[in-house]
PDB file of all heavy atoms in Angstrom:
ATOM      1  N   VAL A   1      -4.499   8.136  -0.518  1.00  0.00           N
ATOM      2  CA  VAL A   1      -3.230   8.686  -0.902  1.00  0.00           C
ATOM      3  C   VAL A   1      -2.826   9.895  -0.122  1.00  0.00           C
ATOM      4  O   VAL A   1      -1.635  10.031   0.240  1.00  0.00           O
ATOM      5  CB  VAL A   1      -3.231   9.025  -2.464  1.00  0.00           C
ATOM      6  CG1 VAL A   1      -1.912   9.622  -2.887  1.00  0.00           C
ATOM      7  CG2 VAL A   1      -3.603   7.788  -3.306  1.00  0.00           C
ATOM      8  N   LEU A   2      -3.803  10.752   0.191  1.00  0.00           N
ATOM      9  CA  LEU A   2      -3.523  11.888   1.064  1.00  0.00           C
ATOM     10  C   LEU A   2      -3.039  11.516   2.388  1.00  0.00           C
ATOM     11  O   LEU A   2      -2.064  12.051   2.948  1.00  0.00           O
ATOM     12  CB  LEU A   2      -4.752  12.755   1.169  1.00  0.00           C
ATOM     13  CG  LEU A   2      -4.674  14.028   1.999  1.00  0.00           C
ATOM     14  CD1 LEU A   2      -3.557  15.003   1.452  1.00  0.00           C
ATOM     15  CD2 LEU A   2      -5.965  14.750   2.109  1.00  0.00           C
ATOM     16  N   ARG A   3      -3.697  10.393   3.004  1.00  0.00           N
ATOM     17  CA  ARG A   3      -3.264   9.947   4.344  1.00  0.00           C
ATOM     18  C   ARG A   3      -1.840   9.451   4.249  1.00  0.00           C
ATOM     19  O   ARG A   3      -1.042   9.653   5.148  1.00  0.00           O
ATOM     20  CB  ARG A   3      -4.246   8.795   4.716  1.00  0.00           C
ATOM     21  CG  ARG A   3      -3.810   8.078   5.985  1.00  0.00           C
ATOM     22  CD  ARG A   3      -3.853   9.056   7.197  1.00  0.00           C
ATOM     23  NE  ARG A   3      -3.280   8.321   8.389  1.00  0.00           N
ATOM     24  CZ  ARG A   3      -4.094   7.579   9.218  1.00  0.00           C
ATOM     25  NH1 ARG A   3      -5.437   7.470   9.014  1.00  0.00           N
ATOM     26  NH2 ARG A   3      -3.549   7.012  10.266  1.00  0.00           N
ATOM     27  N   ALA A   4      -1.446   8.786   3.138  1.00  0.00           N
ATOM     28  CA  ALA A   4      -0.103   8.252   3.016  1.00  0.00           C
ATOM     29  C   ALA A   4       0.908   9.391   2.955  1.00  0.00           C
ATOM     30  O   ALA A   4       1.986   9.329   3.533  1.00  0.00           O
ATOM     31  CB  ALA A   4       0.027   7.399   1.745  1.00  0.00           C
ATOM     32  N   GLN A   5       0.560  10.496   2.240  1.00  0.00           N
ATOM     33  CA  GLN A   5       1.475  11.676   2.108  1.00  0.00           C
ATOM     34  C   GLN A   5       1.614  12.296   3.531  1.00  0.00           C
ATOM     35  O   GLN A   5       2.706  12.729   3.929  1.00  0.00           O
ATOM     36  CB  GLN A   5       0.874  12.661   1.169  1.00  0.00           C
ATOM     37  CG  GLN A   5       0.658  12.136  -0.203  1.00  0.00           C
ATOM     38  CD  GLN A   5       1.912  11.737  -0.916  1.00  0.00           C
ATOM     39  OE1 GLN A   5       2.151  10.640  -1.441  1.00  0.00           O
ATOM     40  NE2 GLN A   5       2.890  12.685  -1.023  1.00  0.00           N
ATOM     41  N   LEU A   6       0.471  12.417   4.227  1.00  0.00           N
ATOM     42  CA  LEU A   6       0.516  13.008   5.591  1.00  0.00           C
ATOM     43  C   LEU A   6       1.293  12.201   6.542  1.00  0.00           C
ATOM     44  O   LEU A   6       2.179  12.802   7.341  1.00  0.00           O
ATOM     45  CB  LEU A   6      -0.931  13.252   6.092  1.00  0.00           C
ATOM     46  CG  LEU A   6      -1.789  14.295   5.306  1.00  0.00           C
ATOM     47  CD1 LEU A   6      -3.217  14.222   5.868  1.00  0.00           C
ATOM     48  CD2 LEU A   6      -1.175  15.645   5.380  1.00  0.00           C
ATOM     49  N   ASP A   7       1.113  10.841   6.579  1.00  0.00           N
ATOM     50  CA  ASP A   7       1.865  10.055   7.498  1.00  0.00           C
ATOM     51  C   ASP A   7       3.369  10.010   7.159  1.00  0.00           C
ATOM     52  O   ASP A   7       4.227   9.958   8.078  1.00  0.00           O
ATOM     53  CB  ASP A   7       1.320   8.557   7.366  1.00  0.00           C
ATOM     54  CG  ASP A   7      -0.043   8.412   8.000  1.00  0.00           C
ATOM     55  OD1 ASP A   7      -0.477   9.389   8.715  1.00  0.00           O
ATOM     56  OD2 ASP A   7      -0.725   7.386   7.718  1.00  0.00           O
ATOM     57  N   ALA A   8       3.704  10.118   5.904  1.00  0.00           N
ATOM     58  CA  ALA A   8       5.148  10.145   5.490  1.00  0.00           C
ATOM     59  C   ALA A   8       5.725  11.535   5.527  1.00  0.00           C
ATOM     60  O   ALA A   8       6.947  11.649   5.367  1.00  0.00           O
ATOM     61  CB  ALA A   8       5.282   9.536   4.096  1.00  0.00           C
ATOM     62  N   ASN A   9       4.856  12.541   5.793  1.00  0.00           N
ATOM     63  CA  ASN A   9       5.339  13.899   5.806  1.00  0.00           C
ATOM     64  C   ASN A   9       6.105  14.202   4.504  1.00  0.00           C
ATOM     65  O   ASN A   9       7.258  14.731   4.508  1.00  0.00           O
ATOM     66  CB  ASN A   9       6.231  14.256   7.022  1.00  0.00           C
ATOM     67  CG  ASN A   9       6.463  15.730   7.215  1.00  0.00           C
ATOM     68  OD1 ASN A   9       5.718  16.547   6.692  1.00  0.00           O
ATOM     69  ND2 ASN A   9       7.561  16.076   7.896  1.00  0.00           N
ATOM     70  N   SER A  10       5.551  13.869   3.388  1.00  0.00           N
ATOM     71  CA  SER A  10       6.168  13.914   2.070  1.00  0.00           C
ATOM     72  C   SER A  10       5.314  14.642   1.074  1.00  0.00           C
ATOM     73  O   SER A  10       4.628  14.052   0.237  1.00  0.00           O
ATOM     74  CB  SER A  10       6.488  12.539   1.553  1.00  0.00           C
ATOM     75  OG  SER A  10       7.024  12.549   0.282  1.00  0.00           O
ATOM     76  N   PRO A  11       5.245  15.999   1.229  1.00  0.00           N
ATOM     77  CA  PRO A  11       4.413  16.788   0.320  1.00  0.00           C
ATOM     78  C   PRO A  11       4.853  16.778  -1.108  1.00  0.00           C
ATOM     79  O   PRO A  11       4.044  17.066  -2.041  1.00  0.00           O
ATOM     80  CB  PRO A  11       4.420  18.195   0.908  1.00  0.00           C
ATOM     81  CG  PRO A  11       5.702  18.241   1.695  1.00  0.00           C
ATOM     82  CD  PRO A  11       5.910  16.886   2.222  1.00  0.00           C
ATOM     83  N   GLU A  12       6.170  16.564  -1.376  1.00  0.00           N
ATOM     84  CA  GLU A  12       6.713  16.669  -2.680  1.00  0.00           C
ATOM     85  C   GLU A  12       6.886  15.270  -3.323  1.00  0.00           C
ATOM     86  O   GLU A  12       6.430  15.081  -4.493  1.00  0.00           O
ATOM     87  CB  GLU A  12       8.052  17.387  -2.682  1.00  0.00           C
ATOM     88  CG  GLU A  12       8.051  18.768  -2.044  1.00  0.00           C
ATOM     89  CD  GLU A  12       7.194  19.710  -2.967  1.00  0.00           C
ATOM     90  OE1 GLU A  12       7.086  19.466  -4.153  1.00  0.00           O
ATOM     91  OE2 GLU A  12       6.698  20.673  -2.388  1.00  0.00           O
ATOM     92  N   LYS A  13       7.487  14.333  -2.658  1.00  0.00           N
ATOM     93  CA  LYS A  13       7.683  12.992  -3.239  1.00  0.00           C
ATOM     94  C   LYS A  13       6.535  12.136  -3.040  1.00  0.00           C
ATOM     95  O   LYS A  13       5.967  11.958  -1.962  1.00  0.00           O
ATOM     96  CB  LYS A  13       8.925  12.367  -2.523  1.00  0.00           C
ATOM     97  CG  LYS A  13       9.296  11.011  -3.133  1.00  0.00           C
ATOM     98  CD  LYS A  13      10.488  10.404  -2.382  1.00  0.00           C
ATOM     99  CE  LYS A  13      10.809   9.036  -2.924  1.00  0.00           C
ATOM    100  NZ  LYS A  13      11.914   8.417  -2.217  1.00  0.00           N
ATOM    101  N   PRO A  14       5.945  11.506  -4.173  1.00  0.00           N
ATOM    102  CA  PRO A  14       4.771  10.678  -4.012  1.00  0.00           C
ATOM    103  C   PRO A  14       5.045   9.477  -3.217  1.00  0.00           C
ATOM    104  O   PRO A  14       6.071   8.846  -3.305  1.00  0.00           O
ATOM    105  CB  PRO A  14       4.550  10.267  -5.547  1.00  0.00           C
ATOM    106  CG  PRO A  14       5.272  11.324  -6.332  1.00  0.00           C
ATOM    107  CD  PRO A  14       6.437  11.802  -5.516  1.00  0.00           C
ATOM    108  N   VAL A  15       4.103   9.142  -2.381  1.00  0.00           N
ATOM    109  CA  VAL A  15       4.128   7.938  -1.562  1.00  0.00           C
ATOM    110  C   VAL A  15       2.895   7.119  -1.794  1.00  0.00           C
ATOM    111  O   VAL A  15       1.749   7.605  -1.863  1.00  0.00           O
ATOM    112  CB  VAL A  15       4.168   8.318  -0.004  1.00  0.00           C
ATOM    113  CG1 VAL A  15       4.184   7.087   0.829  1.00  0.00           C
ATOM    114  CG2 VAL A  15       5.404   9.163   0.218  1.00  0.00           C
ATOM    115  N   ARG A  16       3.085   5.823  -1.974  1.00  0.00           N
ATOM    116  CA  ARG A  16       1.953   4.907  -2.264  1.00  0.00           C
ATOM    117  C   ARG A  16       1.136   4.683  -1.008  1.00  0.00           C
ATOM    118  O   ARG A  16       1.640   4.611   0.047  1.00  0.00           O
ATOM    119  CB  ARG A  16       2.495   3.566  -2.802  1.00  0.00           C
ATOM    120  CG  ARG A  16       1.445   2.720  -3.460  1.00  0.00           C
ATOM    121  CD  ARG A  16       1.876   1.298  -3.701  1.00  0.00           C
ATOM    122  NE  ARG A  16       2.000   0.615  -2.412  1.00  0.00           N
ATOM    123  CZ  ARG A  16       2.242  -0.706  -2.323  1.00  0.00           C
ATOM    124  NH1 ARG A  16       2.358  -1.422  -3.390  1.00  0.00           N
ATOM    125  NH2 ARG A  16       2.296  -1.299  -1.151  1.00  0.00           N
ATOM    126  N   ALA A  17      -0.189   4.559  -1.252  1.00  0.00           N
ATOM    127  CA  ALA A  17      -1.059   4.223  -0.077  1.00  0.00           C
ATOM    128  C   ALA A  17      -0.706   2.825   0.454  1.00  0.00           C
ATOM    129  O   ALA A  17      -0.293   1.902  -0.287  1.00  0.00           O
ATOM    130  CB  ALA A  17      -2.503   4.146  -0.618  1.00  0.00           C
ATOM    131  N   VAL A  18      -0.795   2.732   1.792  1.00  0.00           N
ATOM    132  CA  VAL A  18      -0.398   1.474   2.477  1.00  0.00           C
ATOM    133  C   VAL A  18      -1.404   0.378   2.325  1.00  0.00           C
ATOM    134  O   VAL A  18      -1.161  -0.756   2.670  1.00  0.00           O
ATOM    135  CB  VAL A  18      -0.011   1.776   3.914  1.00  0.00           C
ATOM    136  CG1 VAL A  18       1.119   2.750   4.013  1.00  0.00           C
ATOM    137  CG2 VAL A  18      -1.169   2.269   4.712  1.00  0.00           C
ATOM    138  N   LEU A  19      -2.655   0.732   2.003  1.00  0.00           N
ATOM    139  CA  LEU A  19      -3.740  -0.253   1.907  1.00  0.00           C
ATOM    140  C   LEU A  19      -4.293  -0.262   0.529  1.00  0.00           C
ATOM    141  O   LEU A  19      -4.432   0.742  -0.154  1.00  0.00           O
ATOM    142  CB  LEU A  19      -4.840   0.028   2.909  1.00  0.00           C
ATOM    143  CG  LEU A  19      -4.481  -0.079   4.349  1.00  0.00           C
ATOM    144  CD1 LEU A  19      -5.703   0.315   5.219  1.00  0.00           C
ATOM    145  CD2 LEU A  19      -4.026  -1.477   4.761  1.00  0.00           C
ATOM    146  N   PRO A  20      -4.685  -1.472  -0.033  1.00  0.00           N
ATOM    147  CA  PRO A  20      -5.417  -1.552  -1.279  1.00  0.00           C
ATOM    148  C   PRO A  20      -6.848  -1.065  -1.168  1.00  0.00           C
ATOM    149  O   PRO A  20      -7.428  -1.128  -0.046  1.00  0.00           O
ATOM    150  CB  PRO A  20      -5.291  -3.022  -1.644  1.00  0.00           C
ATOM    151  CG  PRO A  20      -5.179  -3.704  -0.337  1.00  0.00           C
ATOM    152  CD  PRO A  20      -4.467  -2.753   0.588  1.00  0.00           C
ATOM    153  N   LEU A  21      -7.411  -0.696  -2.258  1.00  0.00           N
ATOM    154  CA  LEU A  21      -8.775  -0.207  -2.242  1.00  0.00           C
ATOM    155  C   LEU A  21      -9.646  -1.197  -3.110  1.00  0.00           C
ATOM    156  O   LEU A  21      -9.400  -1.410  -4.226  1.00  0.00           O
ATOM    157  CB  LEU A  21      -8.899   1.184  -2.862  1.00  0.00           C
ATOM    158  CG  LEU A  21     -10.273   1.774  -3.122  1.00  0.00           C
ATOM    159  CD1 LEU A  21     -11.064   1.908  -1.794  1.00  0.00           C
ATOM    160  CD2 LEU A  21     -10.262   3.091  -3.865  1.00  0.00           C
ATOM    161  N   GLY A  22     -10.597  -1.804  -2.408  1.00  0.00           N
ATOM    162  CA  GLY A  22     -11.539  -2.721  -3.022  1.00  0.00           C
ATOM    163  C   GLY A  22     -12.760  -1.973  -3.494  1.00  0.00           C
ATOM    164  O   GLY A  22     -13.280  -1.136  -2.750  1.00  0.00           O
ATOM    165  N   ILE A  23     -13.249  -2.250  -4.673  1.00  0.00           N
ATOM    166  CA  ILE A  23     -14.355  -1.467  -5.268  1.00  0.00           C
ATOM    167  C   ILE A  23     -15.545  -2.351  -5.543  1.00  0.00           C
ATOM    168  O   ILE A  23     -15.475  -3.296  -6.344  1.00  0.00           O
ATOM    169  CB  ILE A  23     -13.968  -0.773  -6.578  1.00  0.00           C
ATOM    170  CG1 ILE A  23     -12.739   0.139  -6.305  1.00  0.00           C
ATOM    171  CG2 ILE A  23     -15.058  -0.019  -7.152  1.00  0.00           C
ATOM    172  CD1 ILE A  23     -12.045   0.589  -7.608  1.00  0.00           C
ATOM    173  N   ILE A  24     -16.697  -2.147  -4.792  1.00  0.00           N
ATOM    174  CA  ILE A  24     -17.985  -2.772  -5.054  1.00  0.00           C
ATOM    175  C   ILE A  24     -18.849  -1.839  -5.787  1.00  0.00           C
ATOM    176  O   ILE A  24     -19.286  -0.811  -5.277  1.00  0.00           O
ATOM    177  CB  ILE A  24     -18.647  -3.208  -3.720  1.00  0.00           C
ATOM    178  CG1 ILE A  24     -17.676  -4.069  -2.905  1.00  0.00           C
ATOM    179  CG2 ILE A  24     -19.905  -3.964  -4.075  1.00  0.00           C
ATOM    180  CD1 ILE A  24     -17.315  -5.400  -3.452  1.00  0.00           C
ATOM    181  N   PRO A  25     -19.143  -2.102  -7.041  1.00  0.00           N
ATOM    182  CA  PRO A  25     -19.922  -1.110  -7.892  1.00  0.00           C
ATOM    183  C   PRO A  25     -21.411  -1.008  -7.429  1.00  0.00           C
ATOM    184  O   PRO A  25     -22.093  -2.028  -7.185  1.00  0.00           O
ATOM    185  CB  PRO A  25     -19.899  -1.728  -9.269  1.00  0.00           C
ATOM    186  CG  PRO A  25     -19.661  -3.242  -9.053  1.00  0.00           C
ATOM    187  CD  PRO A  25     -18.821  -3.336  -7.842  1.00  0.00           C
ATOM    188  N   ALA A  26     -21.806   0.271  -7.188  1.00  0.00           N
ATOM    189  CA  ALA A  26     -23.166   0.514  -6.821  1.00  0.00           C
ATOM    190  C   ALA A  26     -23.585   1.846  -7.281  1.00  0.00           C
ATOM    191  O   ALA A  26     -24.419   2.537  -6.624  1.00  0.00           O
ATOM    192  CB  ALA A  26     -23.329   0.411  -5.290  1.00  0.00           C
ATOM    193  N   GLY A  27     -23.019   2.331  -8.408  1.00  0.00           N
ATOM    194  CA  GLY A  27     -23.319   3.677  -8.887  1.00  0.00           C
ATOM    195  C   GLY A  27     -24.136   3.650 -10.208  1.00  0.00           C
ATOM    196  O   GLY A  27     -24.637   2.577 -10.608  1.00  0.00           O
ATOM    197  N   SER A  28     -24.057   4.744 -10.887  1.00  0.00           N
ATOM    198  CA  SER A  28     -24.875   4.858 -12.154  1.00  0.00           C
ATOM    199  C   SER A  28     -24.078   4.425 -13.353  1.00  0.00           C
ATOM    200  O   SER A  28     -24.627   3.948 -14.342  1.00  0.00           O
ATOM    201  CB  SER A  28     -25.427   6.207 -12.365  1.00  0.00           C
ATOM    202  OG  SER A  28     -24.328   7.215 -12.335  1.00  0.00           O
ATOM    203  N   THR A  29     -22.698   4.623 -13.318  1.00  0.00           N
ATOM    204  CA  THR A  29     -21.921   4.186 -14.454  1.00  0.00           C
ATOM    205  C   THR A  29     -20.763   3.240 -14.093  1.00  0.00           C
ATOM    206  O   THR A  29     -20.484   2.314 -14.759  1.00  0.00           O
ATOM    207  CB  THR A  29     -21.205   5.468 -15.073  1.00  0.00           C
ATOM    208  OG1 THR A  29     -20.497   6.234 -14.040  1.00  0.00           O
ATOM    209  CG2 THR A  29     -22.245   6.400 -15.673  1.00  0.00           C
ATOM    210  N   ASP A  30     -20.213   3.448 -12.889  1.00  0.00           N
ATOM    211  CA  ASP A  30     -19.144   2.475 -12.309  1.00  0.00           C
ATOM    212  C   ASP A  30     -18.035   2.266 -13.292  1.00  0.00           C
ATOM    213  O   ASP A  30     -17.661   1.184 -13.631  1.00  0.00           O
ATOM    214  CB  ASP A  30     -19.782   1.170 -11.979  1.00  0.00           C
ATOM    215  CG  ASP A  30     -20.870   1.260 -10.896  1.00  0.00           C
ATOM    216  OD1 ASP A  30     -20.564   1.930  -9.900  1.00  0.00           O
ATOM    217  OD2 ASP A  30     -21.965   0.711 -11.050  1.00  0.00           O
ATOM    218  N   VAL A  31     -17.537   3.391 -13.834  1.00  0.00           N
ATOM    219  CA  VAL A  31     -16.423   3.297 -14.830  1.00  0.00           C
ATOM    220  C   VAL A  31     -15.178   2.653 -14.233  1.00  0.00           C
ATOM    221  O   VAL A  31     -14.485   1.891 -14.887  1.00  0.00           O
ATOM    222  CB  VAL A  31     -16.076   4.732 -15.349  1.00  0.00           C
ATOM    223  CG1 VAL A  31     -14.857   4.733 -16.211  1.00  0.00           C
ATOM    224  CG2 VAL A  31     -17.285   5.298 -16.099  1.00  0.00           C
ATOM    225  N   VAL A  32     -14.809   3.033 -13.039  1.00  0.00           N
ATOM    226  CA  VAL A  32     -13.572   2.479 -12.452  1.00  0.00           C
ATOM    227  C   VAL A  32     -13.749   0.965 -12.159  1.00  0.00           C
ATOM    228  O   VAL A  32     -12.815   0.231 -12.492  1.00  0.00           O
ATOM    229  CB  VAL A  32     -13.365   3.204 -11.056  1.00  0.00           C
ATOM    230  CG1 VAL A  32     -12.067   2.624 -10.407  1.00  0.00           C
ATOM    231  CG2 VAL A  32     -13.132   4.716 -11.245  1.00  0.00           C
ATOM    232  N   SER A  33     -14.900   0.527 -11.675  1.00  0.00           N
ATOM    233  CA  SER A  33     -15.118  -0.887 -11.495  1.00  0.00           C
ATOM    234  C   SER A  33     -15.021  -1.653 -12.833  1.00  0.00           C
ATOM    235  O   SER A  33     -14.389  -2.737 -12.870  1.00  0.00           O
ATOM    236  CB  SER A  33     -16.466  -1.176 -10.872  1.00  0.00           C
ATOM    237  OG  SER A  33     -16.685  -2.542 -10.689  1.00  0.00           O
ATOM    238  N   CYS A  34     -15.556  -1.096 -13.873  1.00  0.00           N
ATOM    239  CA  CYS A  34     -15.525  -1.771 -15.174  1.00  0.00           C
ATOM    240  C   CYS A  34     -14.063  -1.832 -15.647  1.00  0.00           C
ATOM    241  O   CYS A  34     -13.629  -2.797 -16.303  1.00  0.00           O
ATOM    242  CB  CYS A  34     -16.353  -1.000 -16.252  1.00  0.00           C
ATOM    243  SG  CYS A  34     -18.149  -1.171 -15.995  1.00  0.00           S
ATOM    244  N   SER A  35     -13.264  -0.790 -15.391  1.00  0.00           N
ATOM    245  CA  SER A  35     -11.899  -0.797 -15.813  1.00  0.00           C
ATOM    246  C   SER A  35     -11.054  -1.787 -15.061  1.00  0.00           C
ATOM    247  O   SER A  35     -10.181  -2.465 -15.637  1.00  0.00           O
ATOM    248  CB  SER A  35     -11.246   0.646 -15.584  1.00  0.00           C
ATOM    249  OG  SER A  35     -11.932   1.578 -16.353  1.00  0.00           O
ATOM    250  N   VAL A  36     -11.346  -1.921 -13.742  1.00  0.00           N
ATOM    251  CA  VAL A  36     -10.589  -2.894 -12.888  1.00  0.00           C
ATOM    252  C   VAL A  36     -11.045  -4.310 -13.040  1.00  0.00           C
ATOM    253  O   VAL A  36     -10.197  -5.220 -13.173  1.00  0.00           O
ATOM    254  CB  VAL A  36     -10.619  -2.426 -11.427  1.00  0.00           C
ATOM    255  CG1 VAL A  36      -9.891  -3.363 -10.533  1.00  0.00           C
ATOM    256  CG2 VAL A  36      -9.972  -1.010 -11.286  1.00  0.00           C
TER     257      VAL A  36
END
């Protein structure tokens, strides 16, 4: 998301990330993976 804001030079208006994020769970709780 930060890269999207920097590329768009948009510090105020939110800009969506241009790429999706795939999550492979390999942690102790993996809350985000369980949610998705």
